[in-house]
Amino acid sequence: MTAAEFAREYQENYGKLFYYVMGLAKNTAIAEDVVSQTFLSAWEHRGQLRGEFKPWLYQIATNAMNKSWRRDSYLHMEPLEGHEERPEPKDFGVELERFMEWQRAAQAAMILSHEMRRALALHLKGLTVTQAARQMRVAPGTAGTRLWNAKKIVRELCQL
């Protein structure tokens, strides 16, 4: 495929591919990144094209979107135990009770959705709701709601 042919395919397919990826990502910035990566990958591997360009291009975009989802889920998954020191049970008194409460809270947090667990983790790091929202790429109201729901569920499960 020559550079002129690729440029023509780019012009014909950019808009449609962007809206396809936007439907998957639900985020303009992510869609723009994935579409850019898709065309870059298509250009770099144009010698491997066997058949029609458009289905090949959409498969590259789908794979890039799946890779983005996997990468994001691994990057943003933070275990709660890294945010707070575990109290050592020195005797069967107050320390043991605190340790057991901490364990119940950690177990309860594991049933939260990824979004709620992330909001809770950012809160435990000391970020404000606005700062957490920026990191999660959501509106502050959404971040606040996720945090409130996460705290409510943990409290109910731990009976705190």
C-alpha atoms as a PDB file:
ATOM      1  CA  MET A   1       0.000   0.000   0.000  1.00  0.00           C
ATOM      2  CA  THR A   2       1.451   3.336  -1.032  1.00  0.00           C
ATOM      3  CA  ALA A   3       1.416   6.481   1.091  1.00  0.00           C
ATOM      4  CA  ALA A   4      -1.206   8.029  -1.218  1.00  0.00           C
ATOM      5  CA  GLU A   5      -3.483   4.984  -0.904  1.00  0.00           C
ATOM      6  CA  PHE A   6      -3.074   5.007   2.855  1.00  0.00           C
ATOM      7  CA  ALA A   7      -3.875   8.744   2.995  1.00  0.00           C
ATOM      8  CA  ARG A   8      -7.063   8.106   1.001  1.00  0.00           C
ATOM      9  CA  GLU A   9      -8.082   5.269   3.347  1.00  0.00           C
ATOM     10  CA  TYR A  10      -7.339   7.517   6.324  1.00  0.00           C
ATOM     11  CA  GLN A  11      -9.603  10.269   4.927  1.00  0.00           C
ATOM     12  CA  GLU A  12     -12.406   7.809   4.202  1.00  0.00           C
ATOM     13  CA  ASN A  13     -12.290   5.916   7.481  1.00  0.00           C
ATOM     14  CA  TYR A  14     -11.176   8.325  10.224  1.00  0.00           C
ATOM     15  CA  GLY A  15     -14.614   9.709  11.148  1.00  0.00           C
ATOM     16  CA  LYS A  16     -16.411   6.371  11.092  1.00  0.00           C
ATOM     17  CA  LEU A  17     -13.649   4.679  13.090  1.00  0.00           C
ATOM     18  CA  PHE A  18     -13.652   7.496  15.647  1.00  0.00           C
ATOM     19  CA  TYR A  19     -17.398   7.113  16.258  1.00  0.00           C
ATOM     20  CA  TYR A  20     -17.026   3.334  16.497  1.00  0.00           C
ATOM     21  CA  VAL A  21     -14.294   3.637  19.142  1.00  0.00           C
ATOM     22  CA  MET A  22     -16.160   6.443  20.910  1.00  0.00           C
ATOM     23  CA  GLY A  23     -19.124   4.078  21.268  1.00  0.00           C
ATOM     24  CA  LEU A  24     -16.841   1.608  23.021  1.00  0.00           C
ATOM     25  CA  ALA A  25     -14.759   4.009  25.100  1.00  0.00           C
ATOM     26  CA  LYS A  26     -17.423   6.586  26.039  1.00  0.00           C
ATOM     27  CA  ASN A  27     -14.543   9.046  26.419  1.00  0.00           C
ATOM     28  CA  THR A  28     -13.310  11.450  23.750  1.00  0.00           C
ATOM     29  CA  ALA A  29      -9.677  11.480  24.881  1.00  0.00           C
ATOM     30  CA  ILE A  30      -9.452   7.694  24.970  1.00  0.00           C
ATOM     31  CA  ALA A  31     -11.187   7.425  21.578  1.00  0.00           C
ATOM     32  CA  GLU A  32      -8.735   9.902  20.034  1.00  0.00           C
ATOM     33  CA  ASP A  33      -5.771   7.984  21.471  1.00  0.00           C
ATOM     34  CA  VAL A  34      -7.054   4.616  20.280  1.00  0.00           C
ATOM     35  CA  VAL A  35      -7.819   5.895  16.769  1.00  0.00           C
ATOM     36  CA  SER A  36      -4.358   7.471  16.539  1.00  0.00           C
ATOM     37  CA  GLN A  37      -2.750   4.233  17.729  1.00  0.00           C
ATOM     38  CA  THR A  38      -4.867   2.284  15.244  1.00  0.00           C
ATOM     39  CA  PHE A  39      -3.768   4.301  12.232  1.00  0.00           C
ATOM     40  CA  LEU A  40      -0.158   4.293  13.397  1.00  0.00           C
ATOM     41  CA  SER A  41      -0.244   0.523  13.766  1.00  0.00           C
ATOM     42  CA  ALA A  42      -1.967   0.154  10.399  1.00  0.00           C
ATOM     43  CA  TRP A  43       0.734   2.278   8.757  1.00  0.00           C
ATOM     44  CA  GLU A  44       3.544   0.324  10.416  1.00  0.00           C
ATOM     45  CA  HIS A  45       2.030  -3.043   9.427  1.00  0.00           C
ATOM     46  CA  ARG A  46       0.565  -2.099   6.033  1.00  0.00           C
ATOM     47  CA  GLY A  47       2.719  -4.729   4.362  1.00  0.00           C
ATOM     48  CA  GLN A  48       0.815  -7.440   6.254  1.00  0.00           C
ATOM     49  CA  LEU A  49      -2.591  -6.387   4.878  1.00  0.00           C
ATOM     50  CA  ARG A  50      -4.325  -9.295   3.189  1.00  0.00           C
ATOM     51  CA  GLY A  51      -7.771  -8.403   1.916  1.00  0.00           C
ATOM     52  CA  GLU A  52      -9.822  -5.285   2.547  1.00  0.00           C
ATOM     53  CA  PHE A  53      -8.494  -2.343   4.530  1.00  0.00           C
ATOM     54  CA  LYS A  54     -11.615  -1.382   6.515  1.00  0.00           C
ATOM     55  CA  PRO A  55     -12.257  -4.701   8.374  1.00  0.00           C
ATOM     56  CA  TRP A  56      -8.539  -4.959   9.101  1.00  0.00           C
ATOM     57  CA  LEU A  57      -8.540  -1.414  10.490  1.00  0.00           C
ATOM     58  CA  TYR A  58     -11.569  -2.076  12.714  1.00  0.00           C
ATOM     59  CA  GLN A  59      -9.927  -5.242  14.068  1.00  0.00           C
ATOM     60  CA  ILE A  60      -6.825  -3.240  14.972  1.00  0.00           C
ATOM     61  CA  ALA A  61      -9.036  -0.657  16.728  1.00  0.00           C
ATOM     62  CA  THR A  62     -10.952  -3.345  18.620  1.00  0.00           C
ATOM     63  CA  ASN A  63      -7.700  -4.941  19.770  1.00  0.00           C
ATOM     64  CA  ALA A  64      -6.319  -1.529  20.816  1.00  0.00           C
ATOM     65  CA  MET A  65      -9.483  -0.799  22.792  1.00  0.00           C
ATOM     66  CA  ASN A  66      -9.311  -4.170  24.546  1.00  0.00           C
ATOM     67  CA  LYS A  67      -5.654  -3.535  25.356  1.00  0.00           C
ATOM     68  CA  SER A  68      -6.561  -0.095  26.740  1.00  0.00           C
ATOM     69  CA  TRP A  69      -9.251  -1.600  28.991  1.00  0.00           C
ATOM     70  CA  ARG A  70      -6.893  -4.266  30.286  1.00  0.00           C
ATOM     71  CA  ARG A  71      -4.093  -1.744  30.870  1.00  0.00           C
ATOM     72  CA  ASP A  72      -6.421   0.658  32.679  1.00  0.00           C
ATOM     73  CA  SER A  73      -7.865  -2.045  34.899  1.00  0.00           C
ATOM     74  CA  TYR A  74      -4.370  -3.191  35.947  1.00  0.00           C
ATOM     75  CA  LEU A  75      -2.972   0.323  36.380  1.00  0.00           C
ATOM     76  CA  HIS A  76      -5.807   1.559  38.540  1.00  0.00           C
ATOM     77  CA  MET A  77      -6.387  -1.504  40.659  1.00  0.00           C
ATOM     78  CA  GLU A  78      -4.864  -0.713  44.017  1.00  0.00           C
ATOM     79  CA  PRO A  79      -5.127  -3.061  46.972  1.00  0.00           C
ATOM     80  CA  LEU A  80      -6.290  -1.362  50.137  1.00  0.00           C
ATOM     81  CA  GLU A  81      -3.663  -2.955  52.346  1.00  0.00           C
ATOM     82  CA  GLY A  82      -1.010  -0.617  50.924  1.00  0.00           C
ATOM     83  CA  HIS A  83      -2.807   2.443  52.257  1.00  0.00           C
ATOM     84  CA  GLU A  84      -2.818   1.678  55.952  1.00  0.00           C
ATOM     85  CA  GLU A  85      -0.542  -0.100  58.343  1.00  0.00           C
ATOM     86  CA  ARG A  86      -1.941  -3.312  59.731  1.00  0.00           C
ATOM     87  CA  PRO A  87      -1.953  -3.172  63.483  1.00  0.00           C
ATOM     88  CA  GLU A  88      -0.034  -6.045  65.014  1.00  0.00           C
ATOM     89  CA  PRO A  89      -2.085  -7.984  67.559  1.00  0.00           C
ATOM     90  CA  LYS A  90       0.123  -7.630  70.634  1.00  0.00           C
ATOM     91  CA  ASP A  91      -2.458  -9.058  72.987  1.00  0.00           C
ATOM     92  CA  PHE A  92      -6.087 -10.112  72.924  1.00  0.00           C
ATOM     93  CA  GLY A  93      -7.276  -6.613  73.798  1.00  0.00           C
ATOM     94  CA  VAL A  94      -7.817  -3.479  71.758  1.00  0.00           C
ATOM     95  CA  GLU A  95      -5.121  -4.239  69.184  1.00  0.00           C
ATOM     96  CA  LEU A  96      -6.734  -7.535  68.208  1.00  0.00           C
ATOM     97  CA  GLU A  97     -10.122  -5.835  67.852  1.00  0.00           C
ATOM     98  CA  ARG A  98      -8.616  -3.155  65.571  1.00  0.00           C
ATOM     99  CA  PHE A  99      -6.874  -5.837  63.520  1.00  0.00           C
ATOM    100  CA  MET A 100     -10.110  -7.781  63.076  1.00  0.00           C
ATOM    101  CA  GLU A 101     -11.999  -4.589  62.097  1.00  0.00           C
ATOM    102  CA  TRP A 102      -9.300  -3.812  59.541  1.00  0.00           C
ATOM    103  CA  GLN A 103      -9.571  -7.330  58.085  1.00  0.00           C
ATOM    104  CA  ARG A 104     -13.366  -7.097  57.830  1.00  0.00           C
ATOM    105  CA  ALA A 105     -13.075  -3.719  56.092  1.00  0.00           C
ATOM    106  CA  ALA A 106     -10.457  -5.052  53.643  1.00  0.00           C
ATOM    107  CA  GLN A 107     -12.624  -8.077  52.814  1.00  0.00           C
ATOM    108  CA  ALA A 108     -15.707  -5.876  52.397  1.00  0.00           C
ATOM    109  CA  ALA A 109     -13.787  -3.568  50.048  1.00  0.00           C
ATOM    110  CA  MET A 110     -12.963  -6.488  47.769  1.00  0.00           C
ATOM    111  CA  ILE A 111     -16.636  -6.913  46.801  1.00  0.00           C
ATOM    112  CA  LEU A 112     -16.912  -3.267  45.712  1.00  0.00           C
ATOM    113  CA  SER A 113     -16.937  -2.451  42.029  1.00  0.00           C
ATOM    114  CA  HIS A 114     -13.633  -1.365  40.504  1.00  0.00           C
ATOM    115  CA  GLU A 115     -14.828   2.254  40.369  1.00  0.00           C
ATOM    116  CA  MET A 116     -15.938   2.361  44.015  1.00  0.00           C
ATOM    117  CA  ARG A 117     -12.750   0.616  45.195  1.00  0.00           C
ATOM    118  CA  ARG A 118     -10.664   3.142  43.288  1.00  0.00           C
ATOM    119  CA  ALA A 119     -12.589   6.086  44.774  1.00  0.00           C
ATOM    120  CA  LEU A 120     -12.072   4.641  48.256  1.00  0.00           C
ATOM    121  CA  ALA A 121      -8.367   4.012  47.640  1.00  0.00           C
ATOM    122  CA  LEU A 122      -7.821   7.586  46.449  1.00  0.00           C
ATOM    123  CA  HIS A 123      -9.712   8.879  49.493  1.00  0.00           C
ATOM    124  CA  LEU A 124      -7.495   6.779  51.775  1.00  0.00           C
ATOM    125  CA  LYS A 125      -4.463   8.313  50.068  1.00  0.00           C
ATOM    126  CA  GLY A 126      -5.739  11.708  51.231  1.00  0.00           C
ATOM    127  CA  LEU A 127      -7.013  13.093  47.925  1.00  0.00           C
ATOM    128  CA  THR A 128     -10.026  15.381  47.909  1.00  0.00           C
ATOM    129  CA  VAL A 129     -13.085  14.387  45.910  1.00  0.00           C
ATOM    130  CA  THR A 130     -12.120  16.902  43.209  1.00  0.00           C
ATOM    131  CA  GLN A 131      -8.573  15.522  42.982  1.00  0.00           C
ATOM    132  CA  ALA A 132      -9.878  11.942  42.917  1.00  0.00           C
ATOM    133  CA  ALA A 133     -12.359  12.878  40.181  1.00  0.00           C
ATOM    134  CA  ARG A 134      -9.529  14.280  38.086  1.00  0.00           C
ATOM    135  CA  GLN A 135      -7.531  11.060  38.489  1.00  0.00           C
ATOM    136  CA  MET A 136     -10.553   8.888  37.686  1.00  0.00           C
ATOM    137  CA  ARG A 137     -11.496  11.132  34.743  1.00  0.00           C
ATOM    138  CA  VAL A 138     -15.058  11.633  35.970  1.00  0.00           C
ATOM    139  CA  ALA A 139     -17.120  14.546  37.273  1.00  0.00           C
ATOM    140  CA  PRO A 140     -16.616  15.446  40.961  1.00  0.00           C
ATOM    141  CA  GLY A 141     -20.237  14.519  41.689  1.00  0.00           C
ATOM    142  CA  THR A 142     -19.668  11.048  40.247  1.00  0.00           C
ATOM    143  CA  ALA A 143     -16.499  10.569  42.309  1.00  0.00           C
ATOM    144  CA  GLY A 144     -18.317  11.738  45.439  1.00  0.00           C
ATOM    145  CA  THR A 145     -21.203   9.359  44.820  1.00  0.00           C
ATOM    146  CA  ARG A 146     -18.834   6.423  44.269  1.00  0.00           C
ATOM    147  CA  LEU A 147     -16.973   7.245  47.484  1.00  0.00           C
ATOM    148  CA  TRP A 148     -20.195   7.667  49.480  1.00  0.00           C
ATOM    149  CA  ASN A 149     -21.561   4.345  48.184  1.00  0.00           C
ATOM    150  CA  ALA A 150     -18.260   2.572  48.880  1.00  0.00           C
ATOM    151  CA  LYS A 151     -18.178   3.847  52.464  1.00  0.00           C
ATOM    152  CA  LYS A 152     -21.812   2.903  52.981  1.00  0.00           C
ATOM    153  CA  ILE A 153     -21.287  -0.659  51.748  1.00  0.00           C
ATOM    154  CA  VAL A 154     -18.128  -1.154  53.827  1.00  0.00           C
ATOM    155  CA  ARG A 155     -19.867   0.223  56.942  1.00  0.00           C
ATOM    156  CA  GLU A 156     -22.883  -2.044  56.425  1.00  0.00           C
ATOM    157  CA  LEU A 157     -20.769  -5.149  55.833  1.00  0.00           C
ATOM    158  CA  CYS A 158     -18.541  -4.405  58.811  1.00  0.00           C
ATOM    159  CA  GLN A 159     -21.378  -3.062  60.962  1.00  0.00           C
ATOM    160  CA  LEU A 160     -19.227  -0.031  61.826  1.00  0.00           C
END
